N, C-alpha and C. Protein backbone atom coordinates (compact mmCIF):
# COMPACT_ATOMS: atom_id res chain seq x y z
N MET A 1 -5.57 -11.12 18.08
CA MET A 1 -6.39 -10.00 18.48
C MET A 1 -5.88 -8.69 17.85
N PHE A 2 -4.58 -8.40 18.03
CA PHE A 2 -4.05 -7.16 17.47
C PHE A 2 -4.19 -7.13 15.95
N SER A 3 -4.01 -8.28 15.32
CA SER A 3 -4.05 -8.33 13.85
C SER A 3 -5.40 -7.92 13.28
N THR A 4 -6.46 -7.96 14.08
CA THR A 4 -7.79 -7.56 13.61
C THR A 4 -8.27 -6.28 14.28
N SER A 5 -7.42 -5.64 15.06
CA SER A 5 -7.84 -4.47 15.82
C SER A 5 -7.88 -3.19 14.98
N THR A 6 -8.66 -2.22 15.46
CA THR A 6 -8.69 -0.92 14.80
C THR A 6 -7.38 -0.17 15.04
N GLN A 7 -6.68 -0.49 16.15
CA GLN A 7 -5.38 0.13 16.39
C GLN A 7 -4.42 -0.22 15.25
N LYS A 8 -4.38 -1.49 14.88
CA LYS A 8 -3.51 -1.89 13.77
C LYS A 8 -3.96 -1.23 12.48
N LYS A 9 -5.26 -1.20 12.25
CA LYS A 9 -5.78 -0.66 11.00
C LYS A 9 -5.49 0.84 10.85
N HIS A 10 -5.63 1.61 11.93
CA HIS A 10 -5.53 3.07 11.84
C HIS A 10 -4.20 3.65 12.32
N TRP A 11 -3.41 2.92 13.09
CA TRP A 11 -2.22 3.49 13.70
C TRP A 11 -0.94 2.72 13.42
N THR A 12 -0.96 1.79 12.48
CA THR A 12 0.26 1.11 12.07
C THR A 12 0.58 1.56 10.66
N PHE A 13 1.79 2.07 10.48
CA PHE A 13 2.18 2.66 9.20
C PHE A 13 3.33 1.87 8.59
N THR A 14 3.45 1.97 7.28
CA THR A 14 4.51 1.24 6.58
C THR A 14 5.86 1.92 6.71
N GLY A 15 5.88 3.19 7.09
CA GLY A 15 7.15 3.88 7.25
C GLY A 15 6.95 5.37 7.42
N GLU A 16 8.05 6.07 7.58
CA GLU A 16 8.04 7.51 7.78
C GLU A 16 7.43 8.24 6.59
N THR A 17 7.63 7.71 5.40
CA THR A 17 7.08 8.33 4.19
C THR A 17 5.56 8.39 4.25
N GLN A 18 4.93 7.31 4.71
CA GLN A 18 3.47 7.29 4.80
C GLN A 18 2.97 8.31 5.83
N ILE A 19 3.66 8.42 6.95
CA ILE A 19 3.26 9.38 7.98
C ILE A 19 3.39 10.81 7.44
N THR A 20 4.49 11.09 6.78
CA THR A 20 4.70 12.42 6.19
C THR A 20 3.62 12.74 5.18
N GLN A 21 3.28 11.78 4.33
CA GLN A 21 2.24 12.01 3.33
C GLN A 21 0.88 12.24 3.99
N ASN A 22 0.58 11.50 5.05
CA ASN A 22 -0.68 11.71 5.78
C ASN A 22 -0.74 13.13 6.36
N LYS A 23 0.38 13.60 6.88
CA LYS A 23 0.42 14.96 7.44
C LYS A 23 0.24 16.00 6.34
N ARG A 24 0.88 15.80 5.20
CA ARG A 24 0.71 16.72 4.06
C ARG A 24 -0.75 16.75 3.60
N ASP A 25 -1.35 15.57 3.47
CA ASP A 25 -2.75 15.47 3.03
C ASP A 25 -3.68 16.17 4.02
N THR A 26 -3.41 15.99 5.31
CA THR A 26 -4.25 16.62 6.34
C THR A 26 -4.14 18.13 6.27
N ASN A 27 -2.93 18.65 6.08
CA ASN A 27 -2.75 20.10 5.94
C ASN A 27 -3.53 20.61 4.74
N HIS A 28 -3.41 19.91 3.63
CA HIS A 28 -4.09 20.32 2.39
C HIS A 28 -5.61 20.30 2.57
N LYS A 29 -6.13 19.24 3.18
CA LYS A 29 -7.57 19.14 3.40
C LYS A 29 -8.07 20.26 4.31
N TYR A 30 -7.29 20.58 5.37
CA TYR A 30 -7.69 21.65 6.28
C TYR A 30 -7.78 22.99 5.55
N VAL A 31 -6.75 23.31 4.80
CA VAL A 31 -6.71 24.58 4.08
C VAL A 31 -7.90 24.67 3.12
N ASN A 32 -8.15 23.62 2.38
CA ASN A 32 -9.27 23.63 1.43
C ASN A 32 -10.62 23.71 2.12
N LYS A 33 -10.77 23.01 3.23
CA LYS A 33 -12.04 23.00 3.96
C LYS A 33 -12.36 24.37 4.57
N HIS A 34 -11.33 25.12 4.93
CA HIS A 34 -11.53 26.40 5.61
C HIS A 34 -11.30 27.61 4.71
N GLY A 35 -11.62 27.45 3.45
CA GLY A 35 -11.62 28.60 2.54
C GLY A 35 -10.43 28.75 1.65
N GLY A 36 -9.43 27.91 1.78
CA GLY A 36 -8.22 28.06 0.99
C GLY A 36 -8.35 27.60 -0.45
N ALA A 37 -9.36 26.81 -0.74
CA ALA A 37 -9.52 26.28 -2.10
C ALA A 37 -9.74 27.39 -3.12
N ASN A 38 -10.29 28.49 -2.67
CA ASN A 38 -10.61 29.59 -3.59
C ASN A 38 -9.55 30.70 -3.61
N LEU A 39 -8.43 30.47 -2.93
CA LEU A 39 -7.39 31.50 -2.84
C LEU A 39 -6.20 31.16 -3.73
N ASP A 40 -5.49 32.19 -4.15
CA ASP A 40 -4.25 31.94 -4.91
C ASP A 40 -3.17 31.52 -3.92
N ASP A 41 -2.08 30.97 -4.42
CA ASP A 41 -1.02 30.42 -3.57
C ASP A 41 -0.43 31.45 -2.61
N GLU A 42 -0.23 32.66 -3.09
CA GLU A 42 0.37 33.70 -2.24
C GLU A 42 -0.53 34.03 -1.05
N THR A 43 -1.81 34.16 -1.29
CA THR A 43 -2.76 34.46 -0.22
C THR A 43 -2.86 33.29 0.75
N LYS A 44 -2.85 32.07 0.23
CA LYS A 44 -2.88 30.88 1.08
C LYS A 44 -1.70 30.87 2.04
N GLU A 45 -0.52 31.17 1.51
CA GLU A 45 0.69 31.15 2.34
C GLU A 45 0.65 32.21 3.43
N LYS A 46 -0.04 33.32 3.18
CA LYS A 46 -0.17 34.36 4.20
C LYS A 46 -1.20 33.99 5.26
N LYS A 47 -2.23 33.28 4.87
CA LYS A 47 -3.35 33.01 5.77
C LYS A 47 -3.20 31.69 6.54
N TYR A 48 -2.59 30.67 5.93
CA TYR A 48 -2.51 29.33 6.52
C TYR A 48 -1.06 28.89 6.68
N LEU A 49 -0.83 28.02 7.64
CA LEU A 49 0.49 27.42 7.79
C LEU A 49 0.73 26.42 6.67
N THR A 50 1.93 26.42 6.14
CA THR A 50 2.30 25.39 5.18
C THR A 50 2.67 24.12 5.94
N PHE A 51 2.82 23.02 5.23
CA PHE A 51 3.23 21.77 5.85
C PHE A 51 4.58 21.96 6.56
N THR A 52 5.50 22.64 5.92
CA THR A 52 6.83 22.87 6.50
C THR A 52 6.74 23.71 7.77
N GLU A 53 5.91 24.75 7.75
CA GLU A 53 5.74 25.58 8.95
C GLU A 53 5.13 24.78 10.10
N GLU A 54 4.17 23.91 9.80
CA GLU A 54 3.59 23.04 10.83
C GLU A 54 4.67 22.14 11.44
N LYS A 55 5.52 21.61 10.59
CA LYS A 55 6.59 20.71 11.05
C LYS A 55 7.56 21.46 11.97
N ILE A 56 7.91 22.69 11.60
CA ILE A 56 8.81 23.50 12.42
C ILE A 56 8.18 23.80 13.78
N LEU A 57 6.89 24.16 13.79
CA LEU A 57 6.20 24.42 15.05
C LEU A 57 6.14 23.16 15.92
N GLY A 58 5.87 22.03 15.30
CA GLY A 58 5.83 20.77 16.04
C GLY A 58 7.16 20.48 16.71
N ARG A 59 8.24 20.66 15.97
CA ARG A 59 9.59 20.44 16.53
C ARG A 59 9.88 21.41 17.67
N HIS A 60 9.47 22.66 17.50
CA HIS A 60 9.68 23.66 18.55
C HIS A 60 8.99 23.24 19.84
N PHE A 61 7.73 22.84 19.74
CA PHE A 61 7.00 22.47 20.94
C PHE A 61 7.47 21.15 21.53
N GLU A 62 7.99 20.25 20.70
CA GLU A 62 8.63 19.05 21.24
C GLU A 62 9.78 19.44 22.14
N HIS A 63 10.60 20.40 21.68
CA HIS A 63 11.74 20.87 22.46
C HIS A 63 11.27 21.55 23.75
N VAL A 64 10.27 22.43 23.65
CA VAL A 64 9.76 23.14 24.82
C VAL A 64 9.23 22.16 25.85
N LEU A 65 8.45 21.17 25.41
CA LEU A 65 7.88 20.19 26.34
C LEU A 65 8.95 19.30 26.95
N ARG A 66 9.98 18.96 26.18
CA ARG A 66 11.09 18.17 26.72
C ARG A 66 11.80 18.95 27.82
N GLU A 67 12.05 20.22 27.58
CA GLU A 67 12.69 21.06 28.60
C GLU A 67 11.81 21.19 29.84
N PHE A 68 10.51 21.36 29.64
CA PHE A 68 9.57 21.44 30.75
C PHE A 68 9.65 20.17 31.60
N CYS A 69 9.64 19.02 30.94
CA CYS A 69 9.70 17.75 31.66
C CYS A 69 11.00 17.60 32.43
N ASN A 70 12.10 18.12 31.87
CA ASN A 70 13.39 18.02 32.54
C ASN A 70 13.47 18.85 33.82
N VAL A 71 12.77 19.97 33.87
CA VAL A 71 12.84 20.83 35.06
C VAL A 71 11.65 20.68 36.00
N PHE A 72 10.66 19.88 35.60
CA PHE A 72 9.46 19.70 36.40
C PHE A 72 9.82 19.06 37.75
N GLN A 73 9.21 19.57 38.82
CA GLN A 73 9.40 19.01 40.15
C GLN A 73 8.07 18.59 40.72
N PRO A 74 7.92 17.40 41.23
CA PRO A 74 8.91 16.33 41.28
C PRO A 74 9.24 15.84 39.87
N PRO A 75 10.39 15.18 39.72
CA PRO A 75 10.83 14.78 38.37
C PRO A 75 9.76 13.99 37.60
N MET A 76 9.66 14.31 36.33
CA MET A 76 8.71 13.65 35.44
C MET A 76 9.22 12.24 35.13
N PRO A 77 8.37 11.22 35.25
CA PRO A 77 8.81 9.87 34.90
C PRO A 77 9.24 9.79 33.43
N LYS A 78 10.26 8.99 33.16
CA LYS A 78 10.80 8.87 31.80
C LYS A 78 9.74 8.39 30.80
N TYR A 79 8.82 7.51 31.23
CA TYR A 79 7.81 7.00 30.31
C TYR A 79 6.85 8.10 29.87
N VAL A 80 6.74 9.17 30.67
CA VAL A 80 5.88 10.30 30.28
C VAL A 80 6.57 11.09 29.17
N MET A 81 7.87 11.24 29.30
CA MET A 81 8.63 11.98 28.30
C MET A 81 8.63 11.23 26.99
């Protein structure tokens, strides 16, 4: 069943490299779709988040949410974290 599922098709990756590349591609597609295709690199960097900036923000919010879960009352179940 799993071997033919859409979960396997869309959410199983060969490794961290593939996930990173998917994130880079998604950032690039977003920037181009929302007007960045016609801008020079300097203007793009001012107007849109780079892949690296997105990664830093993601890590920041992972930390914030982890801290929130640690102080939440009643205690947050571990499987939620």
